[in-house]
């Protein structure tokens, strides 16, 4: 990111902005894709690629996610063009989701972040335990 003193509305489309500026489009995108639910949805859909998954199956594969949160996450991913949504005109409608090529390109960086977290979790846990210990007298 190139620091910029101008506001995001002064930039041309595609121009890099200031990641520290809350109105920076890149920051806003990172806020959306940086959630735990987005990472999990992308992982589950990437495991099925190029096939689709129905909403209920996605929900079953992501423990702890509510119907409302899954719906909001999928809507956000679809709006950004990372997920494609297909509705079958049945009663009730059958809704299918799959990653687009753009969404598949996000799986690599998210996978690297998950791998980093798994590798360093023991160290992070130790640091948390040390921070939670009462101070020595």
C-alpha atoms as a PDB file:
ATOM      1  CA  UNK A   1       0.000   0.000   0.000  1.00  0.00           C
ATOM      2  CA  UNK A   2       1.284   3.377  -0.926  1.00  0.00           C
ATOM      3  CA  UNK A   3       0.543   6.000   1.716  1.00  0.00           C
ATOM      4  CA  UNK A   4      -1.657   8.742   0.384  1.00  0.00           C
ATOM      5  CA  UNK A   5      -2.771  12.036   1.847  1.00  0.00           C
ATOM      6  CA  UNK A   6      -5.751  12.343  -0.489  1.00  0.00           C
ATOM      7  CA  UNK A   7      -9.117  10.922   0.448  1.00  0.00           C
ATOM      8  CA  UNK A   8     -10.416   7.732  -1.136  1.00  0.00           C
ATOM      9  CA  UNK A   9     -12.959   9.679  -3.187  1.00  0.00           C
ATOM     10  CA  UNK A  10     -10.081  11.622  -4.848  1.00  0.00           C
ATOM     11  CA  UNK A  11      -8.489   8.432  -6.214  1.00  0.00           C
ATOM     12  CA  UNK A  12      -9.059   6.893  -9.602  1.00  0.00           C
ATOM     13  CA  UNK A  13     -10.448   3.332  -9.793  1.00  0.00           C
ATOM     14  CA  UNK A  14      -7.668   0.789  -9.257  1.00  0.00           C
ATOM     15  CA  UNK A  15      -5.320   3.342  -7.675  1.00  0.00           C
ATOM     16  CA  UNK A  16      -3.731   2.176  -4.446  1.00  0.00           C
ATOM     17  CA  UNK A  17      -4.788   3.940  -1.315  1.00  0.00           C
ATOM     18  CA  UNK A  18      -3.782   4.336   2.296  1.00  0.00           C
ATOM     19  CA  UNK A  19      -4.502   1.111   4.194  1.00  0.00           C
ATOM     20  CA  UNK A  20      -4.563   3.083   7.452  1.00  0.00           C
ATOM     21  CA  UNK A  21      -7.437   5.250   6.183  1.00  0.00           C
ATOM     22  CA  UNK A  22     -10.766   3.669   7.280  1.00  0.00           C
ATOM     23  CA  UNK A  23     -12.329   4.735   3.963  1.00  0.00           C
ATOM     24  CA  UNK A  24      -9.624   3.010   1.887  1.00  0.00           C
ATOM     25  CA  UNK A  25     -11.314   0.416  -0.382  1.00  0.00           C
ATOM     26  CA  UNK A  26      -8.504  -2.097   0.207  1.00  0.00           C
ATOM     27  CA  UNK A  27      -8.954  -1.786   3.964  1.00  0.00           C
ATOM     28  CA  UNK A  28     -12.683  -2.281   3.579  1.00  0.00           C
ATOM     29  CA  UNK A  29     -12.087  -5.410   1.475  1.00  0.00           C
ATOM     30  CA  UNK A  30      -9.611  -6.782   4.028  1.00  0.00           C
ATOM     31  CA  UNK A  31     -12.202  -6.158   6.748  1.00  0.00           C
ATOM     32  CA  UNK A  32     -14.658  -8.325   4.802  1.00  0.00           C
ATOM     33  CA  UNK A  33     -12.343 -11.183   3.827  1.00  0.00           C
ATOM     34  CA  UNK A  34     -10.476 -11.200   7.137  1.00  0.00           C
ATOM     35  CA  UNK A  35     -13.321 -12.668   9.174  1.00  0.00           C
ATOM     36  CA  UNK A  36     -13.188 -16.202  10.540  1.00  0.00           C
ATOM     37  CA  UNK A  37     -16.448 -17.087   8.790  1.00  0.00           C
ATOM     38  CA  UNK A  38     -15.188 -15.924   5.390  1.00  0.00           C
ATOM     39  CA  UNK A  39     -12.046 -18.011   5.814  1.00  0.00           C
ATOM     40  CA  UNK A  40     -14.102 -21.076   6.728  1.00  0.00           C
ATOM     41  CA  UNK A  41     -16.623 -20.638   3.884  1.00  0.00           C
ATOM     42  CA  UNK A  42     -13.822 -20.213   1.341  1.00  0.00           C
ATOM     43  CA  UNK A  43     -12.026 -23.303   2.709  1.00  0.00           C
ATOM     44  CA  UNK A  44     -15.136 -25.498   2.552  1.00  0.00           C
ATOM     45  CA  UNK A  45     -16.083 -24.310  -0.937  1.00  0.00           C
ATOM     46  CA  UNK A  46     -12.472 -24.712  -2.154  1.00  0.00           C
ATOM     47  CA  UNK A  47     -12.516 -28.329  -0.974  1.00  0.00           C
ATOM     48  CA  UNK A  48     -15.512 -28.919  -3.269  1.00  0.00           C
ATOM     49  CA  UNK A  49     -14.276 -26.882  -6.247  1.00  0.00           C
ATOM     50  CA  UNK A  50     -15.326 -26.874  -8.979  1.00  0.00           C
ATOM     51  CA  UNK A  51     -18.504 -28.423  -7.579  1.00  0.00           C
ATOM     52  CA  UNK A  52     -21.227 -26.575  -5.700  1.00  0.00           C
ATOM     53  CA  UNK A  53     -22.605 -26.925  -2.201  1.00  0.00           C
ATOM     54  CA  UNK A  54     -26.085 -26.171  -0.970  1.00  0.00           C
ATOM     55  CA  UNK A  55     -26.652 -23.774   1.903  1.00  0.00           C
ATOM     56  CA  UNK A  56     -27.616 -26.499   4.395  1.00  0.00           C
ATOM     57  CA  UNK A  57     -24.506 -28.532   3.568  1.00  0.00           C
ATOM     58  CA  UNK A  58     -22.286 -25.486   4.060  1.00  0.00           C
ATOM     59  CA  UNK A  59     -23.903 -24.873   7.424  1.00  0.00           C
ATOM     60  CA  UNK A  60     -23.358 -28.511   8.466  1.00  0.00           C
ATOM     61  CA  UNK A  61     -19.665 -28.308   7.552  1.00  0.00           C
ATOM     62  CA  UNK A  62     -19.019 -25.097   9.503  1.00  0.00           C
ATOM     63  CA  UNK A  63     -19.689 -25.797  13.178  1.00  0.00           C
ATOM     64  CA  UNK A  64     -20.902 -22.815  15.168  1.00  0.00           C
ATOM     65  CA  UNK A  65     -22.027 -20.621  12.294  1.00  0.00           C
ATOM     66  CA  UNK A  66     -25.596 -19.369  12.518  1.00  0.00           C
ATOM     67  CA  UNK A  67     -27.953 -19.349   9.566  1.00  0.00           C
ATOM     68  CA  UNK A  68     -27.961 -15.542   9.656  1.00  0.00           C
ATOM     69  CA  UNK A  69     -24.141 -15.273   9.702  1.00  0.00           C
ATOM     70  CA  UNK A  70     -23.725 -17.812   6.905  1.00  0.00           C
ATOM     71  CA  UNK A  71     -26.281 -15.961   4.815  1.00  0.00           C
ATOM     72  CA  UNK A  72     -24.579 -12.592   5.420  1.00  0.00           C
ATOM     73  CA  UNK A  73     -21.129 -14.055   4.665  1.00  0.00           C
ATOM     74  CA  UNK A  74     -22.318 -15.663   1.427  1.00  0.00           C
ATOM     75  CA  UNK A  75     -24.061 -12.446   0.351  1.00  0.00           C
ATOM     76  CA  UNK A  76     -20.882 -10.461   0.938  1.00  0.00           C
ATOM     77  CA  UNK A  77     -18.743 -12.994  -0.939  1.00  0.00           C
ATOM     78  CA  UNK A  78     -21.212 -13.064  -3.834  1.00  0.00           C
ATOM     79  CA  UNK A  79     -21.333  -9.269  -3.982  1.00  0.00           C
ATOM     80  CA  UNK A  80     -17.526  -9.173  -4.213  1.00  0.00           C
ATOM     81  CA  UNK A  81     -17.595 -11.788  -6.988  1.00  0.00           C
ATOM     82  CA  UNK A  82     -15.818 -14.440  -4.916  1.00  0.00           C
ATOM     83  CA  UNK A  83     -18.792 -16.801  -4.768  1.00  0.00           C
ATOM     84  CA  UNK A  84     -21.346 -17.688  -7.446  1.00  0.00           C
ATOM     85  CA  UNK A  85     -24.917 -18.390  -6.374  1.00  0.00           C
ATOM     86  CA  UNK A  86     -27.322 -20.549  -8.365  1.00  0.00           C
ATOM     87  CA  UNK A  87     -30.995 -20.917  -7.511  1.00  0.00           C
ATOM     88  CA  UNK A  88     -33.068 -23.851  -8.732  1.00  0.00           C
ATOM     89  CA  UNK A  89     -36.719 -22.880  -9.228  1.00  0.00           C
ATOM     90  CA  UNK A  90     -38.088 -25.583  -6.942  1.00  0.00           C
ATOM     91  CA  UNK A  91     -40.362 -25.331  -3.926  1.00  0.00           C
ATOM     92  CA  UNK A  92     -38.601 -24.487  -1.699  1.00  0.00           C
ATOM     93  CA  UNK A  93     -35.828 -23.053  -3.921  1.00  0.00           C
ATOM     94  CA  UNK A  94     -32.565 -25.009  -3.864  1.00  0.00           C
ATOM     95  CA  UNK A  95     -29.649 -22.579  -3.591  1.00  0.00           C
ATOM     96  CA  UNK A  96     -26.146 -23.693  -4.593  1.00  0.00           C
ATOM     97  CA  UNK A  97     -22.818 -21.938  -4.012  1.00  0.00           C
ATOM     98  CA  UNK A  98     -19.373 -22.330  -5.543  1.00  0.00           C
ATOM     99  CA  UNK A  99     -16.181 -20.321  -5.610  1.00  0.00           C
ATOM    100  CA  UNK A 100     -15.494 -18.255  -8.703  1.00  0.00           C
ATOM    101  CA  UNK A 101     -11.976 -18.137 -10.158  1.00  0.00           C
ATOM    102  CA  UNK A 102     -11.444 -14.971  -8.107  1.00  0.00           C
ATOM    103  CA  UNK A 103     -12.621 -16.793  -4.978  1.00  0.00           C
ATOM    104  CA  UNK A 104     -10.323 -19.725  -5.717  1.00  0.00           C
ATOM    105  CA  UNK A 105      -7.420 -17.271  -5.955  1.00  0.00           C
ATOM    106  CA  UNK A 106      -8.190 -16.185  -2.375  1.00  0.00           C
ATOM    107  CA  UNK A 107      -7.886 -19.744  -1.028  1.00  0.00           C
ATOM    108  CA  UNK A 108      -4.072 -19.748  -1.385  1.00  0.00           C
ATOM    109  CA  UNK A 109      -3.445 -16.725   0.846  1.00  0.00           C
ATOM    110  CA  UNK A 110      -6.086 -17.840   3.364  1.00  0.00           C
ATOM    111  CA  UNK A 111      -4.580 -21.334   3.421  1.00  0.00           C
ATOM    112  CA  UNK A 112      -1.135 -19.849   4.102  1.00  0.00           C
ATOM    113  CA  UNK A 113      -2.587 -17.854   7.006  1.00  0.00           C
ATOM    114  CA  UNK A 114      -4.294 -20.977   8.429  1.00  0.00           C
ATOM    115  CA  UNK A 115      -1.020 -22.902   8.104  1.00  0.00           C
ATOM    116  CA  UNK A 116       0.857 -20.105   9.903  1.00  0.00           C
ATOM    117  CA  UNK A 117      -1.729 -20.156  12.707  1.00  0.00           C
ATOM    118  CA  UNK A 118      -1.511 -23.948  13.088  1.00  0.00           C
ATOM    119  CA  UNK A 119       2.302 -23.849  13.107  1.00  0.00           C
ATOM    120  CA  UNK A 120       2.538 -21.060  15.669  1.00  0.00           C
ATOM    121  CA  UNK A 121      -0.453 -21.904  17.878  1.00  0.00           C
ATOM    122  CA  UNK A 122       1.644 -23.709  20.540  1.00  0.00           C
ATOM    123  CA  UNK A 123       3.887 -20.649  20.866  1.00  0.00           C
ATOM    124  CA  UNK A 124       0.886 -18.305  20.984  1.00  0.00           C
ATOM    125  CA  UNK A 125      -0.737 -20.522  23.653  1.00  0.00           C
ATOM    126  CA  UNK A 126       2.475 -20.445  25.743  1.00  0.00           C
ATOM    127  CA  UNK A 127       2.644 -16.656  25.457  1.00  0.00           C
ATOM    128  CA  UNK A 128      -0.985 -16.372  26.565  1.00  0.00           C
ATOM    129  CA  UNK A 129      -0.354 -18.666  29.534  1.00  0.00           C
ATOM    130  CA  UNK A 130       2.651 -16.571  30.552  1.00  0.00           C
ATOM    131  CA  UNK A 131       0.638 -13.366  30.235  1.00  0.00           C
ATOM    132  CA  UNK A 132      -2.135 -14.852  32.401  1.00  0.00           C
ATOM    133  CA  UNK A 133       0.219 -15.961  35.196  1.00  0.00           C
ATOM    134  CA  UNK A 134       0.167 -13.801  38.309  1.00  0.00           C
ATOM    135  CA  UNK A 135       3.235 -11.563  38.613  1.00  0.00           C
ATOM    136  CA  UNK A 136       6.145 -13.002  40.593  1.00  0.00           C
ATOM    137  CA  UNK A 137       6.584 -11.453  44.034  1.00  0.00           C
END
